[in-house]
Protein backbone atom coordinates (compact mmCIF):
# COMPACT_ATOMS: atom_id res chain seq x y z
CA MET A 1 16.26 22.43 24.20
CA TRP A 2 13.87 19.41 23.25
CA LYS A 3 16.26 16.80 24.80
CA THR A 4 16.10 18.65 27.75
CA ILE A 5 12.31 19.06 28.06
CA LEU A 6 11.98 15.38 27.38
CA LYS A 7 14.21 14.64 30.31
CA ARG A 8 12.23 16.76 32.58
CA VAL A 9 9.00 15.12 31.44
CA LEU A 10 10.80 11.81 32.13
CA VAL A 11 11.63 12.93 35.55
CA MET A 12 8.18 14.11 36.46
CA ILE A 13 6.83 10.55 36.10
CA PRO A 14 8.13 9.30 39.46
CA GLN A 15 7.18 12.57 41.07
CA ILE A 16 3.51 12.29 40.06
CA PHE A 17 3.60 8.54 41.39
CA LEU A 18 5.21 9.69 44.58
CA LEU A 19 2.96 12.66 44.90
CA SER A 20 -0.27 10.21 44.18
CA VAL A 21 0.69 7.89 46.86
CA ILE A 22 1.19 10.92 49.44
CA ILE A 23 -1.97 12.13 48.41
CA PHE A 24 -4.15 9.22 48.82
CA ILE A 25 -2.45 8.21 52.02
CA LEU A 26 -3.25 11.65 53.50
CA ALA A 27 -6.82 11.50 52.24
CA LYS A 28 -7.26 8.08 54.04
CA MET A 29 -5.91 9.60 57.30
CA MET A 30 -8.73 12.17 57.41
CA PRO A 31 -11.10 11.57 60.10
CA GLY A 32 -14.41 9.39 59.26
CA ASP A 33 -15.11 8.32 55.58
CA PRO A 34 -17.49 9.56 52.89
CA LEU A 35 -20.56 7.57 54.59
CA THR A 36 -19.84 9.08 58.07
CA GLY A 37 -22.28 12.24 57.25
CA ALA A 38 -24.71 9.79 56.03
CA ILE A 39 -25.31 8.49 59.49
CA THR A 40 -28.34 9.55 61.77
CA PRO A 41 -30.21 8.00 64.67
CA GLN A 42 -32.60 6.37 62.12
CA THR A 43 -29.88 4.81 59.75
CA ASP A 44 -29.66 1.16 59.86
CA PRO A 45 -25.89 0.25 60.92
CA ALA A 46 -26.02 -2.70 58.72
CA GLN A 47 -26.69 -0.67 55.51
CA ILE A 48 -23.67 1.40 56.59
CA ALA A 49 -21.51 -1.62 56.87
CA HIS A 50 -22.98 -3.16 53.49
CA LEU A 51 -22.11 0.16 51.61
CA ARG A 52 -18.39 0.46 53.20
CA GLN A 53 -17.92 -3.13 51.99
CA GLU A 54 -19.31 -2.54 48.81
CA TYR A 55 -17.10 0.89 48.20
CA GLY A 56 -14.25 -1.20 49.17
CA LEU A 57 -13.66 1.38 52.14
CA ASN A 58 -12.82 -1.75 54.54
CA ASP A 59 -9.87 -2.61 52.52
CA PRO A 60 -6.28 -1.78 53.49
CA TRP A 61 -5.26 1.38 51.98
CA TRP A 62 -2.52 0.01 49.53
CA ILE A 63 -5.38 -2.24 47.99
CA GLN A 64 -7.67 0.55 47.71
CA TYR A 65 -4.86 2.52 46.15
CA TRP A 66 -4.09 -0.04 43.67
CA HIS A 67 -7.78 -0.34 42.41
CA TRP A 68 -7.83 3.47 42.16
CA LEU A 69 -4.45 3.54 40.11
CA ILE A 70 -5.85 0.79 37.62
CA ASN A 71 -9.03 2.84 37.01
CA LEU A 72 -6.70 5.92 36.91
CA PHE A 73 -4.79 4.45 33.81
CA HIS A 74 -8.22 3.85 32.18
CA GLY A 75 -9.30 7.46 32.82
CA ASP A 76 -11.86 6.73 35.59
CA LEU A 77 -11.14 8.65 38.62
CA GLY A 78 -13.87 7.05 40.35
CA GLN A 79 -17.27 8.17 41.63
CA SER A 80 -18.22 11.13 43.76
CA TYR A 81 -19.88 10.02 46.89
CA SER A 82 -21.57 13.66 47.22
CA TYR A 83 -22.54 14.31 43.88
CA LYS A 84 -23.24 10.55 42.93
CA ARG A 85 -21.69 11.12 39.62
CA ALA A 86 -18.26 10.47 37.78
CA VAL A 87 -15.45 12.56 39.07
CA THR A 88 -14.08 13.02 35.50
CA GLY A 89 -17.29 14.60 34.30
CA LEU A 90 -17.65 16.56 37.65
CA ILE A 91 -14.15 18.12 37.42
CA GLY A 92 -14.73 18.61 33.56
CA GLU A 93 -17.73 21.06 34.03
CA ARG A 94 -15.97 22.83 37.21
CA ALA A 95 -12.49 23.26 34.86
CA VAL A 96 -14.45 24.97 32.10
CA ASN A 97 -15.83 27.71 34.52
CA THR A 98 -12.39 28.14 36.63
CA PHE A 99 -10.78 28.47 33.34
CA TRP A 100 -12.55 31.15 31.84
CA LEU A 101 -12.84 33.19 35.07
CA SER A 102 -8.87 32.49 35.72
CA LEU A 103 -8.08 33.66 32.09
CA LEU A 104 -10.22 37.07 32.57
CA THR A 105 -8.16 37.42 35.68
CA LEU A 106 -4.76 36.87 34.47
CA ILE A 107 -5.69 39.38 31.56
CA ILE A 108 -6.59 41.97 33.93
CA VAL A 109 -3.65 41.47 36.04
CA TYR A 110 -0.93 41.81 33.23
CA ALA A 111 -2.84 44.61 31.57
CA ILE A 112 -2.71 46.71 34.50
CA ALA A 113 0.63 45.37 36.15
CA ILE A 114 3.19 45.78 33.19
CA PRO A 115 2.21 49.38 32.16
CA LEU A 116 2.47 50.51 35.75
CA GLY A 117 5.29 48.77 36.38
CA VAL A 118 7.06 50.28 33.44
CA ILE A 119 6.03 53.67 34.48
CA ALA A 120 7.34 53.44 38.05
CA GLY A 121 10.59 52.07 37.00
CA ARG A 122 11.17 54.58 34.11
CA TYR A 123 10.10 57.37 36.11
CA GLU A 124 11.61 56.38 39.47
CA GLY A 125 11.18 59.26 42.15
CA SER A 126 8.38 60.72 40.37
CA LYS A 127 4.79 61.36 41.91
CA ARG A 128 3.76 58.82 39.25
CA ASP A 129 6.21 56.30 40.83
CA LYS A 130 5.21 56.99 44.56
CA ALA A 131 1.54 56.95 43.72
CA ILE A 132 1.99 53.16 41.89
CA GLN A 133 4.37 52.26 44.80
CA LEU A 134 1.73 53.02 47.29
CA TYR A 135 -1.20 51.22 45.24
CA SER A 136 1.37 48.41 45.25
CA TYR A 137 1.99 48.17 49.01
CA VAL A 138 -1.69 48.86 49.87
CA GLY A 139 -2.68 45.62 47.67
CA LEU A 140 0.17 43.44 49.52
CA SER A 141 -0.94 44.38 53.04
CA LEU A 142 -4.81 44.12 52.27
CA PRO A 143 -6.10 40.77 53.34
CA SER A 144 -7.80 39.37 50.13
CA PHE A 145 -10.97 38.34 51.64
CA VAL A 146 -11.71 41.84 53.42
CA PHE A 147 -11.21 43.23 49.75
CA PHE A 148 -13.67 40.77 48.13
CA LEU A 149 -16.09 41.15 50.95
CA PHE A 150 -15.85 44.81 50.50
CA GLY A 151 -16.24 44.60 46.67
CA ILE A 152 -19.22 42.56 46.75
CA TRP A 153 -21.00 45.03 49.05
CA LEU A 154 -19.93 47.89 47.08
CA PHE A 155 -20.54 46.80 43.47
CA GLY A 156 -22.89 43.82 44.21
CA TYR A 157 -25.46 45.41 47.07
CA VAL A 158 -25.00 49.14 47.17
CA LEU A 159 -24.56 50.01 43.55
CA ASN A 160 -26.24 46.43 42.15
CA TRP A 161 -23.73 46.50 38.92
CA PHE A 162 -22.61 42.91 39.28
CA PRO A 163 -24.30 39.54 40.53
CA THR A 164 -22.33 38.27 43.61
CA THR A 165 -22.94 34.34 43.28
CA GLY A 166 -23.02 31.72 40.85
CA SER A 167 -21.85 31.78 37.11
CA VAL A 168 -25.13 31.94 35.16
CA SER A 169 -28.49 33.35 35.68
CA LEU A 170 -31.31 30.91 35.71
CA SER A 171 -33.50 33.13 33.70
CA ALA A 172 -30.91 33.22 30.69
CA ASN A 173 -32.19 31.43 27.76
CA GLY A 174 -30.63 30.78 24.65
CA GLY A 175 -26.50 30.57 23.74
CA LEU A 176 -26.00 34.33 23.56
CA ALA A 177 -27.76 35.12 26.65
CA VAL A 178 -26.11 32.31 28.68
CA MET A 179 -22.42 33.48 27.56
CA LEU A 180 -23.20 37.25 28.40
CA SER A 181 -24.65 36.08 31.81
CA GLN A 182 -21.47 34.02 32.39
CA LEU A 183 -19.45 37.07 31.42
CA ARG A 184 -21.57 39.36 33.84
CA HIS A 185 -20.94 36.71 36.68
CA MET A 186 -17.26 36.54 36.06
CA ILE A 187 -16.53 40.50 35.55
CA LEU A 188 -16.65 41.35 39.46
CA PRO A 189 -14.51 38.55 40.98
CA ALA A 190 -12.07 38.79 37.98
CA ILE A 191 -11.64 42.41 38.49
CA LEU A 192 -11.10 42.24 42.07
CA ALA A 193 -8.54 39.33 42.13
CA GLY A 194 -6.85 40.89 39.09
CA VAL A 195 -6.32 44.15 40.89
CA LEU A 196 -5.27 42.33 44.27
CA GLY A 197 -2.87 40.36 42.14
CA THR A 198 -0.93 43.06 40.31
CA SER A 199 1.23 44.32 43.23
CA SER A 200 4.04 41.72 43.51
CA ILE A 201 4.48 42.00 39.63
CA ILE A 202 4.33 46.06 39.50
CA LEU A 203 7.38 45.77 42.13
CA TYR A 204 9.33 43.05 40.33
CA LEU A 205 8.96 44.84 37.11
CA ARG A 206 9.88 48.37 38.85
CA SER A 207 12.79 46.99 40.45
CA GLY A 208 14.07 45.37 37.25
CA VAL A 209 13.81 48.42 35.09
CA ILE A 210 15.57 50.39 37.70
CA ASP A 211 18.50 47.72 38.13
CA ASN A 212 18.65 47.28 34.27
CA THR A 213 18.96 51.09 33.71
CA SER A 214 22.28 51.40 35.30
CA GLU A 215 24.06 48.32 33.68
CA ASP A 216 26.97 48.46 31.44
CA PHE A 217 25.17 47.38 28.28
CA VAL A 218 22.95 50.24 28.65
CA ARG A 219 25.31 52.73 29.24
CA THR A 220 27.30 51.24 26.00
CA ALA A 221 24.49 51.54 23.89
CA ARG A 222 23.64 55.17 24.90
CA SER A 223 27.12 55.91 24.03
CA LYS A 224 26.94 54.79 20.72
CA GLY A 225 24.06 57.08 20.12
CA VAL A 226 21.25 54.41 20.08
CA PRO A 227 17.88 56.27 20.55
CA GLU A 228 16.59 56.27 24.07
CA LYS A 229 13.50 54.64 22.75
CA VAL A 230 15.33 51.54 21.40
CA VAL A 231 17.79 51.32 24.52
CA PHE A 232 14.41 50.97 26.75
CA ASN A 233 12.55 48.52 24.73
CA ARG A 234 15.48 46.20 23.28
CA HIS A 235 17.79 46.54 26.24
CA ILE A 236 16.22 47.52 29.75
CA LEU A 237 12.68 46.23 29.32
CA ARG A 238 13.81 43.08 27.71
CA ASN A 239 15.57 42.09 30.64
CA SER A 240 13.29 43.45 33.18
CA ILE A 241 10.60 41.08 32.28
CA LEU A 242 12.72 37.92 33.00
CA PRO A 243 11.44 37.92 36.72
CA ILE A 244 7.84 37.87 35.10
CA ALA A 245 8.42 35.23 32.79
CA ALA A 246 10.12 33.20 35.66
CA PHE A 247 6.50 32.68 37.26
CA MET A 248 4.40 33.11 34.19
CA GLY A 249 4.29 29.51 33.70
CA ASN A 250 2.78 28.84 36.97
CA SER A 251 0.31 31.55 36.27
CA ILE A 252 -0.84 29.95 33.00
CA THR A 253 -1.21 26.29 34.60
CA GLY A 254 -2.83 28.10 37.52
CA LEU A 255 -5.96 28.78 35.15
CA LEU A 256 -7.08 25.23 35.89
CA GLY A 257 -6.16 25.42 39.67
CA GLY A 258 -8.58 28.28 40.53
CA SER A 259 -8.75 30.41 43.36
CA ILE A 260 -10.28 28.95 46.46
CA PHE A 261 -10.71 32.22 48.08
CA VAL A 262 -12.42 33.69 45.17
CA GLU A 263 -14.89 31.06 44.35
CA THR A 264 -15.59 30.24 47.76
CA ILE A 265 -16.47 33.69 48.87
CA PHE A 266 -18.56 34.38 45.24
CA SER A 267 -20.08 30.96 45.60
CA TYR A 268 -18.59 30.45 41.96
CA PRO A 269 -19.00 26.77 41.03
CA GLY A 270 -15.24 26.29 39.96
CA MET A 271 -12.46 23.79 40.80
CA GLY A 272 -11.70 25.71 44.14
CA GLN A 273 -15.17 25.66 45.41
CA LEU A 274 -15.44 22.02 44.53
CA PHE A 275 -12.10 21.29 46.38
CA VAL A 276 -13.38 23.09 49.78
CA ASN A 277 -16.80 21.39 49.47
CA SER A 278 -15.00 17.78 49.02
CA ILE A 279 -12.99 18.19 51.95
CA ALA A 280 -15.97 19.27 54.03
CA GLY A 281 -17.79 15.99 52.70
CA ARG A 282 -14.91 13.71 52.97
CA ASP A 283 -15.47 13.10 48.97
CA TYR A 284 -12.01 11.20 48.94
CA SER A 285 -12.35 10.58 45.35
CA VAL A 286 -12.75 13.89 44.24
CA ILE A 287 -10.03 15.14 47.06
CA THR A 288 -7.47 12.73 45.50
CA ALA A 289 -8.13 13.55 42.07
CA LEU A 290 -8.12 17.52 42.36
CA THR A 291 -4.99 17.30 44.51
CA LEU A 292 -3.32 15.14 42.07
CA LEU A 293 -4.13 17.44 39.23
CA PHE A 294 -3.03 20.55 41.16
CA GLY A 295 0.19 19.01 41.70
CA LEU A 296 0.52 18.13 37.89
CA LEU A 297 -0.14 21.49 37.08
CA ALA A 298 2.45 22.87 39.58
CA LEU A 299 5.11 20.56 37.79
CA LEU A 300 4.34 21.80 34.38
CA GLY A 301 3.85 24.97 35.40
CA ASN A 302 7.72 25.14 36.38
CA LEU A 303 8.59 23.01 33.18
CA LEU A 304 6.59 25.86 31.27
CA SER A 305 8.33 28.90 33.16
CA ASP A 306 11.72 27.66 32.10
CA ILE A 307 10.68 27.50 28.50
CA ILE A 308 9.09 31.05 28.55
CA MET A 309 12.40 32.30 30.25
CA SER A 310 14.47 30.55 27.26
CA ILE A 311 12.26 32.22 24.76
CA VAL A 312 12.38 35.63 26.36
CA ASP A 313 16.32 35.48 26.70
CA PRO A 314 18.16 32.93 24.32
CA ARG A 315 21.06 33.10 26.61
CA ILE A 316 19.25 31.18 29.06
CA ARG A 317 19.08 27.58 28.61
CA ILE A 318 17.06 24.83 30.74
CA GLU A 319 19.21 22.43 31.94
């Protein structure tokens, strides 16, 4: 398996290079440049022209890409035009916020989805199964932004249980107070995103349990007198979990990708909100760095999913 993983990693190198070229070209094709928003009737055109020359914005795109690539190998992702600071440090700060919010969301998703999916599949046709299916279908059909805005209105303004913006209160002093404030700011977006993200996993797991219940190996185990609990845990549930494992790798690497919807609606200072603000401000250095990072995470997620599936079921080998 290790040889296969090494081969996959080597194949990812040209994929990442091609991805970086495409991302850089698309970013340069955006109308305007980072200095466009700074132009006012009082702005001196000569000063803007000097800044464009200083930043290398007048160079052909391949020269700009070459300079960006050389700096990338030295760990330098450039300077943010909007935030006036190093892109590496800016993304690092936002990545920490996104990671903890996404981790809490992921825990909530699987803590809800796996038990409900198992119950729905094991007791097919019962009232519990029908109630869980109704919950799943409502979750799939409900627009996420409507659900988030309703949650903000109910829990943030009507009940006033949780804050609705930011990642920490300005009044929090001391390490413990800051940590508790950060946790309180994460609870509402994590719960709302977690509840909304359970529907597909529940339906996948329910279908897997129902399908595997009628398989030959299950009937054989029962005919041999194997206890029903053992049959379910070792044969039905283990095989039903494979569809979940198929995209679990992308869920894990998605911890750093964040959620654009959640972070934008809650004004949460994570990578998703940073990405949206960078596009609006034509901050090319941040856009290219984030998009390349998201692409790299997607490639790693696919590889990690294959590894997880091979661990869950040793019969599966990644090729």
